[in-house]
Amino acid sequence: MKTLKSLSSPCNQPRLALLACSVFKQEIELYTRGASHIKETRFFEMSLHDRPTYLRGILQENLESIEARTDIDAVVLAYGLCGRGTVGLRPTRHPFVIPRAHDCIAVFFGSKEFYAKHQQGCPTCYYYTPGWNRGRRVPGEERLEAMKLELAAKFEPEEVAFLLTSEREQWAKYDTATYIDLGTTDAQEESEFARKCATWLGWKFEHHHGDPSLLKDLLWGNWDADRFQIISPAMQLGQALDDSIMSAEPA
């Protein structure tokens, strides 16, 4: 059985397949230039996060469909726990690797520790990234208008008004738009969009240049047990209730 040490040895770079949330699409394209060891990449819609059970099913189907490949050593997942949407995922042939993160914001910040520290210092921060901005899935005027159109096709006007009010009440728990970028070409443009959202909401705004090391090491096979969880065949991904975030459990 392949071990963490053997898979991540710098003199034996693992051949990979990549399953990734589209929130990382431009960042992954930026940091995988010349990455001939990545044999296949599949991106999945951000909206899958709205239904964690469905997200789990989609990812499991893709893990199983990729198992037929004989030219890879492991599968990497550009995800976190994501509302427990990845908990229970299990490989059948190739081990998979996932960063120890509750969600993608830890990956943008470069570590779960920095994310936890930032959350502790600003519990009323709402996080924006280029991908979430592009999907118009962050609080702001554009998000509200998109929701209005989507809901109007399904519900009566009074129900739409109630749901929109409920959404605004959720946003009222926050007071700061925290934007994080990893140096993509649209980083400044999306920073201005996040600032525009903050102004419309009456929030404060802050811009962080994130740390790409966690994402880059995931993609290039530089895995250590402190930052990454490897799940081998006959095991499945579990949630840990301590700082390790994830665990390997019998399938």
C-alpha atoms as a PDB file:
ATOM      1  CA  MET A   1       0.000   0.000   0.000  1.00  0.00           C
ATOM      2  CA  LYS A   2       1.292   3.468  -0.879  1.00  0.00           C
ATOM      3  CA  THR A   3       2.073   5.594   2.175  1.00  0.00           C
ATOM      4  CA  LEU A   4       2.080   9.352   2.701  1.00  0.00           C
ATOM      5  CA  LYS A   5       5.891   9.338   2.617  1.00  0.00           C
ATOM      6  CA  SER A   6       6.161   7.325  -0.589  1.00  0.00           C
ATOM      7  CA  LEU A   7       3.424   9.287  -2.361  1.00  0.00           C
ATOM      8  CA  SER A   8       4.896  12.681  -1.522  1.00  0.00           C
ATOM      9  CA  SER A   9       8.583  11.937  -2.021  1.00  0.00           C
ATOM     10  CA  PRO A  10      10.183  14.793  -3.987  1.00  0.00           C
ATOM     11  CA  CYS A  11      12.210  12.322  -6.031  1.00  0.00           C
ATOM     12  CA  ASN A  12       9.105  10.336  -6.916  1.00  0.00           C
ATOM     13  CA  GLN A  13       6.443  12.921  -7.811  1.00  0.00           C
ATOM     14  CA  PRO A  14       3.050  11.198  -7.845  1.00  0.00           C
ATOM     15  CA  ARG A  15       0.949  11.115 -10.995  1.00  0.00           C
ATOM     16  CA  LEU A  16      -2.413  12.641 -10.178  1.00  0.00           C
ATOM     17  CA  ALA A  17      -6.031  13.092 -11.133  1.00  0.00           C
ATOM     18  CA  LEU A  18      -7.655  16.231  -9.752  1.00  0.00           C
ATOM     19  CA  LEU A  19     -11.248  16.748  -8.629  1.00  0.00           C
ATOM     20  CA  ALA A  20     -11.824  20.413  -7.809  1.00  0.00           C
ATOM     21  CA  CYS A  21     -14.478  22.946  -6.942  1.00  0.00           C
ATOM     22  CA  SER A  22     -14.731  25.563  -9.679  1.00  0.00           C
ATOM     23  CA  VAL A  23     -14.135  28.257  -7.030  1.00  0.00           C
ATOM     24  CA  PHE A  24     -10.444  27.365  -7.567  1.00  0.00           C
ATOM     25  CA  LYS A  25     -10.515  27.193 -11.373  1.00  0.00           C
ATOM     26  CA  GLN A  26      -8.336  30.198 -12.215  1.00  0.00           C
ATOM     27  CA  GLU A  27      -6.025  29.605  -9.250  1.00  0.00           C
ATOM     28  CA  ILE A  28      -5.494  25.978 -10.286  1.00  0.00           C
ATOM     29  CA  GLU A  29      -4.846  26.981 -13.890  1.00  0.00           C
ATOM     30  CA  LEU A  30      -2.281  29.503 -12.627  1.00  0.00           C
ATOM     31  CA  TYR A  31      -0.409  27.084 -10.372  1.00  0.00           C
ATOM     32  CA  THR A  32      -0.470  23.970 -12.586  1.00  0.00           C
ATOM     33  CA  ARG A  33       1.354  25.416 -15.586  1.00  0.00           C
ATOM     34  CA  GLY A  34       3.732  22.719 -16.774  1.00  0.00           C
ATOM     35  CA  ALA A  35       2.191  20.160 -14.424  1.00  0.00           C
ATOM     36  CA  SER A  36       2.584  17.097 -16.633  1.00  0.00           C
ATOM     37  CA  HIS A  37       2.081  14.851 -13.596  1.00  0.00           C
ATOM     38  CA  ILE A  38      -1.612  15.837 -13.467  1.00  0.00           C
ATOM     39  CA  LYS A  39      -3.216  13.466 -15.942  1.00  0.00           C
ATOM     40  CA  GLU A  40      -6.838  14.611 -15.615  1.00  0.00           C
ATOM     41  CA  THR A  41      -8.712  17.523 -14.057  1.00  0.00           C
ATOM     42  CA  ARG A  42     -12.442  17.713 -13.369  1.00  0.00           C
ATOM     43  CA  PHE A  43     -14.148  20.849 -12.057  1.00  0.00           C
ATOM     44  CA  PHE A  44     -17.522  20.887 -10.293  1.00  0.00           C
ATOM     45  CA  GLU A  45     -20.051  23.679  -9.805  1.00  0.00           C
ATOM     46  CA  MET A  46     -19.909  25.789  -6.654  1.00  0.00           C
ATOM     47  CA  SER A  47     -23.671  25.382  -6.275  1.00  0.00           C
ATOM     48  CA  LEU A  48     -23.120  21.769  -5.158  1.00  0.00           C
ATOM     49  CA  HIS A  49     -22.224  23.222  -1.739  1.00  0.00           C
ATOM     50  CA  ASP A  50     -25.902  24.076  -1.287  1.00  0.00           C
ATOM     51  CA  ARG A  51     -26.641  20.339  -1.059  1.00  0.00           C
ATOM     52  CA  PRO A  52     -23.796  18.581   0.784  1.00  0.00           C
ATOM     53  CA  THR A  53     -25.330  15.121   0.370  1.00  0.00           C
ATOM     54  CA  TYR A  54     -25.582  15.648  -3.382  1.00  0.00           C
ATOM     55  CA  LEU A  55     -22.013  16.981  -3.473  1.00  0.00           C
ATOM     56  CA  ARG A  56     -20.829  13.812  -1.740  1.00  0.00           C
ATOM     57  CA  GLY A  57     -22.673  11.649  -4.273  1.00  0.00           C
ATOM     58  CA  ILE A  58     -21.186  13.487  -7.257  1.00  0.00           C
ATOM     59  CA  LEU A  59     -17.655  13.295  -5.894  1.00  0.00           C
ATOM     60  CA  GLN A  60     -18.025   9.609  -5.005  1.00  0.00           C
ATOM     61  CA  GLU A  61     -19.260   8.824  -8.522  1.00  0.00           C
ATOM     62  CA  ASN A  62     -16.245  10.584  -9.973  1.00  0.00           C
ATOM     63  CA  LEU A  63     -13.823   8.881  -7.608  1.00  0.00           C
ATOM     64  CA  GLU A  64     -15.190   5.547  -8.760  1.00  0.00           C
ATOM     65  CA  SER A  65     -15.171   6.444 -12.454  1.00  0.00           C
ATOM     66  CA  ILE A  66     -11.553   7.563 -12.268  1.00  0.00           C
ATOM     67  CA  GLU A  67     -10.429   4.339 -10.601  1.00  0.00           C
ATOM     68  CA  ALA A  68     -10.089   2.636 -13.990  1.00  0.00           C
ATOM     69  CA  ARG A  69      -7.057   4.788 -14.795  1.00  0.00           C
ATOM     70  CA  THR A  70      -3.740   2.946 -14.584  1.00  0.00           C
ATOM     71  CA  ASP A  71      -1.582   6.037 -15.177  1.00  0.00           C
ATOM     72  CA  ILE A  72      -2.148   7.718 -11.801  1.00  0.00           C
ATOM     73  CA  ASP A  73      -0.930   7.112  -8.262  1.00  0.00           C
ATOM     74  CA  ALA A  74      -3.494   9.188  -6.364  1.00  0.00           C
ATOM     75  CA  VAL A  75      -6.454  11.539  -6.669  1.00  0.00           C
ATOM     76  CA  VAL A  76      -6.319  15.008  -5.129  1.00  0.00           C
ATOM     77  CA  LEU A  77      -9.439  16.852  -4.018  1.00  0.00           C
ATOM     78  CA  ALA A  78      -9.437  20.657  -4.004  1.00  0.00           C
ATOM     79  CA  TYR A  79     -12.107  20.773  -1.305  1.00  0.00           C
ATOM     80  CA  GLY A  80     -12.403  20.964   2.463  1.00  0.00           C
ATOM     81  CA  LEU A  81     -15.083  19.390   4.645  1.00  0.00           C
ATOM     82  CA  CYS A  82     -17.529  21.758   2.900  1.00  0.00           C
ATOM     83  CA  GLY A  83     -20.494  21.376   5.233  1.00  0.00           C
ATOM     84  CA  ARG A  84     -19.624  17.657   5.625  1.00  0.00           C
ATOM     85  CA  GLY A  85     -20.123  17.228   1.881  1.00  0.00           C
ATOM     86  CA  THR A  86     -16.864  15.280   1.628  1.00  0.00           C
ATOM     87  CA  VAL A  87     -17.293  13.222   4.813  1.00  0.00           C
ATOM     88  CA  GLY A  88     -17.737   9.555   3.912  1.00  0.00           C
ATOM     89  CA  LEU A  89     -15.894   9.699   0.591  1.00  0.00           C
ATOM     90  CA  ARG A  90     -13.950   6.503  -0.011  1.00  0.00           C
ATOM     91  CA  PRO A  91     -11.494   5.343  -2.664  1.00  0.00           C
ATOM     92  CA  THR A  92     -11.552   1.859  -4.151  1.00  0.00           C
ATOM     93  CA  ARG A  93      -8.177   1.672  -5.910  1.00  0.00           C
ATOM     94  CA  HIS A  94      -6.164   4.895  -5.714  1.00  0.00           C
ATOM     95  CA  PRO A  95      -5.731   6.801  -2.436  1.00  0.00           C
ATOM     96  CA  PHE A  96      -7.017  10.346  -2.366  1.00  0.00           C
ATOM     97  CA  VAL A  97      -5.541  13.431  -0.737  1.00  0.00           C
ATOM     98  CA  ILE A  98      -7.441  16.428   0.643  1.00  0.00           C
ATOM     99  CA  PRO A  99      -6.225  19.482   2.576  1.00  0.00           C
ATOM    100  CA  ARG A 100      -7.139  19.648   6.250  1.00  0.00           C
ATOM    101  CA  ALA A 101      -9.616  22.502   5.939  1.00  0.00           C
ATOM    102  CA  HIS A 102     -13.190  23.193   6.916  1.00  0.00           C
ATOM    103  CA  ASP A 103     -13.711  25.013   3.629  1.00  0.00           C
ATOM    104  CA  CYS A 104     -11.899  26.743   0.777  1.00  0.00           C
ATOM    105  CA  ILE A 105     -11.128  29.900   2.773  1.00  0.00           C
ATOM    106  CA  ALA A 106      -8.430  28.040   4.721  1.00  0.00           C
ATOM    107  CA  VAL A 107      -6.851  27.128   1.379  1.00  0.00           C
ATOM    108  CA  PHE A 108      -6.915  30.770   0.246  1.00  0.00           C
ATOM    109  CA  PHE A 109      -5.319  31.851   3.532  1.00  0.00           C
ATOM    110  CA  GLY A 110      -2.695  29.092   3.237  1.00  0.00           C
ATOM    111  CA  SER A 111      -3.443  27.232   6.463  1.00  0.00           C
ATOM    112  CA  LYS A 112      -6.225  26.230   8.808  1.00  0.00           C
ATOM    113  CA  GLU A 113      -4.333  27.954  11.622  1.00  0.00           C
ATOM    114  CA  PHE A 114      -4.309  31.362   9.934  1.00  0.00           C
ATOM    115  CA  TYR A 115      -7.995  30.982   9.051  1.00  0.00           C
ATOM    116  CA  ALA A 116      -8.882  30.140  12.649  1.00  0.00           C
ATOM    117  CA  LYS A 117      -6.863  33.103  13.910  1.00  0.00           C
ATOM    118  CA  HIS A 118      -8.581  35.459  11.477  1.00  0.00           C
ATOM    119  CA  GLN A 119     -12.032  34.153  12.402  1.00  0.00           C
ATOM    120  CA  GLN A 120     -11.241  34.603  16.084  1.00  0.00           C
ATOM    121  CA  GLY A 121     -10.214  38.198  15.459  1.00  0.00           C
ATOM    122  CA  CYS A 122     -13.142  38.960  13.168  1.00  0.00           C
ATOM    123  CA  PRO A 123     -16.152  36.698  13.812  1.00  0.00           C
ATOM    124  CA  THR A 124     -18.334  39.101  11.810  1.00  0.00           C
ATOM    125  CA  CYS A 125     -16.252  38.841   8.625  1.00  0.00           C
ATOM    126  CA  TYR A 126     -17.787  37.379   5.473  1.00  0.00           C
ATOM    127  CA  TYR A 127     -15.230  35.972   3.044  1.00  0.00           C
ATOM    128  CA  TYR A 128     -15.059  36.877  -0.637  1.00  0.00           C
ATOM    129  CA  THR A 129     -12.759  35.312  -3.274  1.00  0.00           C
ATOM    130  CA  PRO A 130     -12.534  35.769  -7.057  1.00  0.00           C
ATOM    131  CA  GLY A 131     -14.384  32.492  -7.685  1.00  0.00           C
ATOM    132  CA  TRP A 132     -17.227  33.170  -5.272  1.00  0.00           C
ATOM    133  CA  ASN A 133     -17.503  36.680  -6.719  1.00  0.00           C
ATOM    134  CA  ARG A 134     -17.690  35.434 -10.299  1.00  0.00           C
ATOM    135  CA  GLY A 135     -20.463  33.054  -9.308  1.00  0.00           C
ATOM    136  CA  ARG A 136     -22.327  35.992  -7.688  1.00  0.00           C
ATOM    137  CA  ARG A 137     -22.701  33.854  -4.579  1.00  0.00           C
ATOM    138  CA  VAL A 138     -21.628  36.498  -2.079  1.00  0.00           C
ATOM    139  CA  PRO A 139     -23.730  39.095  -0.231  1.00  0.00           C
ATOM    140  CA  GLY A 140     -24.415  42.152  -2.330  1.00  0.00           C
ATOM    141  CA  GLU A 141     -26.884  43.802  -4.656  1.00  0.00           C
ATOM    142  CA  GLU A 142     -26.144  41.443  -7.572  1.00  0.00           C
ATOM    143  CA  ARG A 143     -26.698  38.382  -5.375  1.00  0.00           C
ATOM    144  CA  LEU A 144     -30.033  39.728  -4.166  1.00  0.00           C
ATOM    145  CA  GLU A 145     -31.204  40.456  -7.710  1.00  0.00           C
ATOM    146  CA  ALA A 146     -30.144  36.998  -8.897  1.00  0.00           C
ATOM    147  CA  MET A 147     -32.015  35.389  -6.005  1.00  0.00           C
ATOM    148  CA  LYS A 148     -35.094  37.445  -6.786  1.00  0.00           C
ATOM    149  CA  LEU A 149     -35.194  36.177 -10.379  1.00  0.00           C
ATOM    150  CA  GLU A 150     -34.526  32.595  -9.333  1.00  0.00           C
ATOM    151  CA  LEU A 151     -37.181  32.590  -6.620  1.00  0.00           C
ATOM    152  CA  ALA A 152     -39.780  34.378  -8.759  1.00  0.00           C
ATOM    153  CA  ALA A 153     -39.812  31.373 -11.081  1.00  0.00           C
ATOM    154  CA  LYS A 154     -40.748  29.072  -8.197  1.00  0.00           C
ATOM    155  CA  PHE A 155     -42.793  31.022  -5.637  1.00  0.00           C
ATOM    156  CA  GLU A 156     -45.538  33.599  -5.229  1.00  0.00           C
ATOM    157  CA  PRO A 157     -44.460  37.251  -4.733  1.00  0.00           C
ATOM    158  CA  GLU A 158     -45.154  37.288  -0.990  1.00  0.00           C
ATOM    159  CA  GLU A 159     -43.072  34.136  -0.537  1.00  0.00           C
ATOM    160  CA  VAL A 160     -40.256  35.666  -2.580  1.00  0.00           C
ATOM    161  CA  ALA A 161     -40.332  38.780  -0.392  1.00  0.00           C
ATOM    162  CA  PHE A 162     -40.179  36.642   2.756  1.00  0.00           C
ATOM    163  CA  LEU A 163     -37.212  34.609   1.500  1.00  0.00           C
ATOM    164  CA  LEU A 164     -35.301  37.712   0.429  1.00  0.00           C
ATOM    165  CA  THR A 165     -35.920  39.322   3.806  1.00  0.00           C
ATOM    166  CA  SER A 166     -34.654  36.158   5.510  1.00  0.00           C
ATOM    167  CA  GLU A 167     -31.501  36.292   3.404  1.00  0.00           C
ATOM    168  CA  ARG A 168     -30.883  39.929   4.333  1.00  0.00           C
ATOM    169  CA  GLU A 169     -31.343  39.019   7.996  1.00  0.00           C
ATOM    170  CA  GLN A 170     -28.599  36.391   7.635  1.00  0.00           C
ATOM    171  CA  TRP A 171     -26.287  38.997   6.120  1.00  0.00           C
ATOM    172  CA  ALA A 172     -26.986  41.310   9.053  1.00  0.00           C
ATOM    173  CA  LYS A 173     -24.876  39.010  11.243  1.00  0.00           C
ATOM    174  CA  TYR A 174     -21.776  40.329   9.453  1.00  0.00           C
ATOM    175  CA  ASP A 175     -20.154  43.748   9.186  1.00  0.00           C
ATOM    176  CA  THR A 176     -16.965  43.204   7.152  1.00  0.00           C
ATOM    177  CA  ALA A 177     -16.273  41.965   3.621  1.00  0.00           C
ATOM    178  CA  THR A 178     -12.925  40.147   3.706  1.00  0.00           C
ATOM    179  CA  TYR A 179     -11.593  39.590   0.192  1.00  0.00           C
ATOM    180  CA  ILE A 180      -8.742  37.114  -0.419  1.00  0.00           C
ATOM    181  CA  ASP A 181      -6.891  36.549  -3.680  1.00  0.00           C
ATOM    182  CA  LEU A 182      -4.048  34.289  -4.811  1.00  0.00           C
ATOM    183  CA  GLY A 183      -2.665  36.463  -7.582  1.00  0.00           C
ATOM    184  CA  THR A 184      -4.918  35.597 -10.513  1.00  0.00           C
ATOM    185  CA  THR A 185      -5.272  38.068 -13.374  1.00  0.00           C
ATOM    186  CA  ASP A 186      -8.741  39.113 -12.208  1.00  0.00           C
ATOM    187  CA  ALA A 187      -7.691  39.668  -8.583  1.00  0.00           C
ATOM    188  CA  GLN A 188      -7.888  43.453  -8.628  1.00  0.00           C
ATOM    189  CA  GLU A 189     -11.121  43.541 -10.610  1.00  0.00           C
ATOM    190  CA  GLU A 190     -12.772  41.159  -8.159  1.00  0.00           C
ATOM    191  CA  SER A 191     -11.381  43.163  -5.243  1.00  0.00           C
ATOM    192  CA  GLU A 192     -13.272  46.185  -6.557  1.00  0.00           C
ATOM    193  CA  PHE A 193     -16.426  44.079  -6.865  1.00  0.00           C
ATOM    194  CA  ALA A 194     -16.099  42.948  -3.237  1.00  0.00           C
ATOM    195  CA  ARG A 195     -15.528  46.555  -2.160  1.00  0.00           C
ATOM    196  CA  LYS A 196     -18.669  47.570  -4.101  1.00  0.00           C
ATOM    197  CA  CYS A 197     -20.661  44.876  -2.265  1.00  0.00           C
ATOM    198  CA  ALA A 198     -19.327  46.104   1.084  1.00  0.00           C
ATOM    199  CA  THR A 199     -20.339  49.682   0.290  1.00  0.00           C
ATOM    200  CA  TRP A 200     -23.864  48.628  -0.703  1.00  0.00           C
ATOM    201  CA  LEU A 201     -24.203  46.566   2.488  1.00  0.00           C
ATOM    202  CA  GLY A 202     -22.748  49.288   4.707  1.00  0.00           C
ATOM    203  CA  TRP A 203     -19.887  47.002   5.744  1.00  0.00           C
ATOM    204  CA  LYS A 204     -16.188  47.570   6.266  1.00  0.00           C
ATOM    205  CA  PHE A 205     -13.842  46.171   3.619  1.00  0.00           C
ATOM    206  CA  GLU A 206     -10.441  44.501   3.835  1.00  0.00           C
ATOM    207  CA  HIS A 207      -8.240  42.963   1.130  1.00  0.00           C
ATOM    208  CA  HIS A 208      -5.874  40.095   1.922  1.00  0.00           C
ATOM    209  CA  HIS A 209      -3.281  38.741  -0.486  1.00  0.00           C
ATOM    210  CA  GLY A 210      -3.569  35.075   0.374  1.00  0.00           C
ATOM    211  CA  ASP A 211      -0.912  32.382   0.651  1.00  0.00           C
ATOM    212  CA  PRO A 212      -0.894  29.891  -2.272  1.00  0.00           C
ATOM    213  CA  SER A 213       1.415  27.385  -0.566  1.00  0.00           C
ATOM    214  CA  LEU A 214      -1.309  25.000   0.619  1.00  0.00           C
ATOM    215  CA  LEU A 215      -2.953  24.848  -2.810  1.00  0.00           C
ATOM    216  CA  LYS A 216       0.382  24.552  -4.630  1.00  0.00           C
ATOM    217  CA  ASP A 217       1.580  21.763  -2.353  1.00  0.00           C
ATOM    218  CA  LEU A 218      -1.696  19.903  -2.835  1.00  0.00           C
ATOM    219  CA  LEU A 219      -1.328  20.111  -6.601  1.00  0.00           C
ATOM    220  CA  TRP A 220       2.369  19.256  -6.717  1.00  0.00           C
ATOM    221  CA  GLY A 221       2.358  16.339  -4.285  1.00  0.00           C
ATOM    222  CA  ASN A 222       4.169  18.018  -1.379  1.00  0.00           C
ATOM    223  CA  TRP A 223       2.014  16.416   1.302  1.00  0.00           C
ATOM    224  CA  ASP A 224       2.640  16.216   5.021  1.00  0.00           C
ATOM    225  CA  ALA A 225       0.344  14.755   7.650  1.00  0.00           C
ATOM    226  CA  ASP A 226      -0.134  18.070   9.460  1.00  0.00           C
ATOM    227  CA  ARG A 227      -1.725  19.768   6.442  1.00  0.00           C
ATOM    228  CA  PHE A 228      -3.141  16.924   4.374  1.00  0.00           C
ATOM    229  CA  GLN A 229      -5.264  13.848   4.935  1.00  0.00           C
ATOM    230  CA  ILE A 230      -4.618  10.773   2.793  1.00  0.00           C
ATOM    231  CA  ILE A 231      -7.408   8.224   2.540  1.00  0.00           C
ATOM    232  CA  SER A 232      -6.328   4.777   1.388  1.00  0.00           C
ATOM    233  CA  PRO A 233      -8.556   2.065  -0.100  1.00  0.00           C
ATOM    234  CA  ALA A 234     -10.732   0.327   2.525  1.00  0.00           C
ATOM    235  CA  MET A 235     -10.881   3.619   4.462  1.00  0.00           C
ATOM    236  CA  GLN A 236     -13.138   6.669   4.232  1.00  0.00           C
ATOM    237  CA  LEU A 237     -12.872  10.342   5.119  1.00  0.00           C
ATOM    238  CA  GLY A 238     -14.123  11.178   8.594  1.00  0.00           C
ATOM    239  CA  GLN A 239     -14.538  14.426  10.504  1.00  0.00           C
ATOM    240  CA  ALA A 240     -12.304  14.979  13.528  1.00  0.00           C
ATOM    241  CA  LEU A 241     -13.514  17.170  16.376  1.00  0.00           C
ATOM    242  CA  ASP A 242     -10.072  18.636  17.051  1.00  0.00           C
ATOM    243  CA  ASP A 243      -7.620  20.820  15.145  1.00  0.00           C
ATOM    244  CA  SER A 244      -6.801  18.016  12.702  1.00  0.00           C
ATOM    245  CA  ILE A 245     -10.307  18.537  11.194  1.00  0.00           C
ATOM    246  CA  MET A 246     -10.227  15.209   9.307  1.00  0.00           C
ATOM    247  CA  SER A 247      -9.513  11.549  10.000  1.00  0.00           C
ATOM    248  CA  ALA A 248      -9.307   8.219   8.201  1.00  0.00           C
ATOM    249  CA  GLU A 249     -11.985   5.728   9.254  1.00  0.00           C
ATOM    250  CA  PRO A 250     -12.745   2.149   8.210  1.00  0.00           C
ATOM    251  CA  ALA A 251     -15.148   2.186   5.258  1.00  0.00           C
END
